[in-house]
Amino acid sequence: MSASGSENWRPRTRAVRTGSRRSQYGEVSEAIFLTQGFVYDTAEDAEARFREAGPDEFIYARYGNPTVAMFEERIAALEGAEDAFATASGMAAVNGALVSMLRAGDHVVSSRALFGSCLYILEEVLPRCGVEVTLVDGTDLDQWRAAIRPDTRAVFFESISNPTLEVIDIAAVCEMAHEAGATVIVDNVFSTPVYSRAIELGADVVVYSATKHIDGQGRCLGGVILGSREFIRKTVEPYLKHTGGALSPFNAWVMLKGLETLDLRVRAQTEAAQSIARALEGHPKLSRVIYPHLESHPQQELARRQMEGGGTLFSVEIAGGQAEAFRALNALEIFIISNNLGDAKSIVTHPATTTHQRLPDEQKAELGITPGLVRVSIGLEDARDLLDDLRRGLDAV
């Protein structure tokens, strides 16, 4: 359980020490409770636990597990949320947060600049369930104001969009949504738990793909939904425990280990990302460099107000389109071509042909996902080597 006085601990301490449970053996590293079920001393004990399980009592791994509970408590303490429910993946978290609270006839407003799978949920899954969805330009507060209605049940957006790094004014959108009685759900992956202020700025629910920065080494899938205890236990938990989106105990243990070094990794990656993005500005082979804390970013002031750091990713647009972008990517020696992000290894992604491939060309153009756009996730290699590698790739254009 959380140590006495832990509410006064600073974030880095919370990320290492909160939520720990020790067995009778007094282990230093958290134990993996790799079990799908639990034993009761008597039939009466089983009956009582199924009627109402206590805070440290478990029934079935799909409902909860000691290792998973440690991760949930630790990430909730770090985020400043009352409670959390860990999920099998980041998309299970997005789906769980939205579908668990929505019914046929409800209305949702969302920014349209989203990860491809998030768009699938909003454009395909929710409408099949009778939910009306309105998509807006997330950076345009007038569009939010016009779209949010008295019957709007939920508002959803990525605090920093994938892959064009648009920054949403969290406080302003939350204020409008709350005036209509809507719940605000923020996908906060690019902001990371290190720089997150979403709950402080008014968000009701925050979701993460723990697969990204929280694991940070490309090992496991995982996700988490954070919010009020009532929302997590009365709305999210019943939906997820009956539909099977729970996080495995082993993956929860990996995420616990990831949280211990999260702050150190993300700060180092952010420092490198900003320095490399700044060094690439003005490169003759690039049409633009997109990084939230660069002066060239149209929402730089907002990004600095909402986030202490600009994050571990930037995007570049390579002049000449897809052919030249592929030429640059194929010439890289250190960067790997993949579709993950937030990893210790630096990764480049061509969104138009991978993560956002299914979108029609006109929708890609509307979102700024051009054939030359490349998303760059900075890892833990030496920033000088990474800059040299990117310049090597651009020399091939």
Foldseek 3Di string as FASTA:
>chain_A
DADPPCLPDDLLCLLQGGLADDDPVRDPAGDQPQDFADDDPDPVRLVVCVVPNDPPDDGGVLQHDSLLRSLFGSLCSLLVFATKAKFQALLLQLCLLPVLPDAAPAEEEEEPQAFQSNVCCQVPVQVVRNYHYHYDNQQDLVRLLVRADLRHAEYEYECAGPPQGDHHLLLSSLVSQVVSPYAYEYADAQQPSLWAPNVVSRHAKYKYFCCAQLLQANDHTMMMIGHHPCCCPVGRSVVRSVVPGHHRSVVSSSSSVSSNCSNVFWVLLLVLQVVLLVVCPPPPQWPDKAWLCDPPHPCVVSCVVRTVTRGNKIKTFGPPFQVLLVQLQVQFDQEDEDDGANHQGKYKYQCCVPRNVVDPPVSCVVSVSTRRMMMIGGHNDDSVSVSVRSVRSSVRD
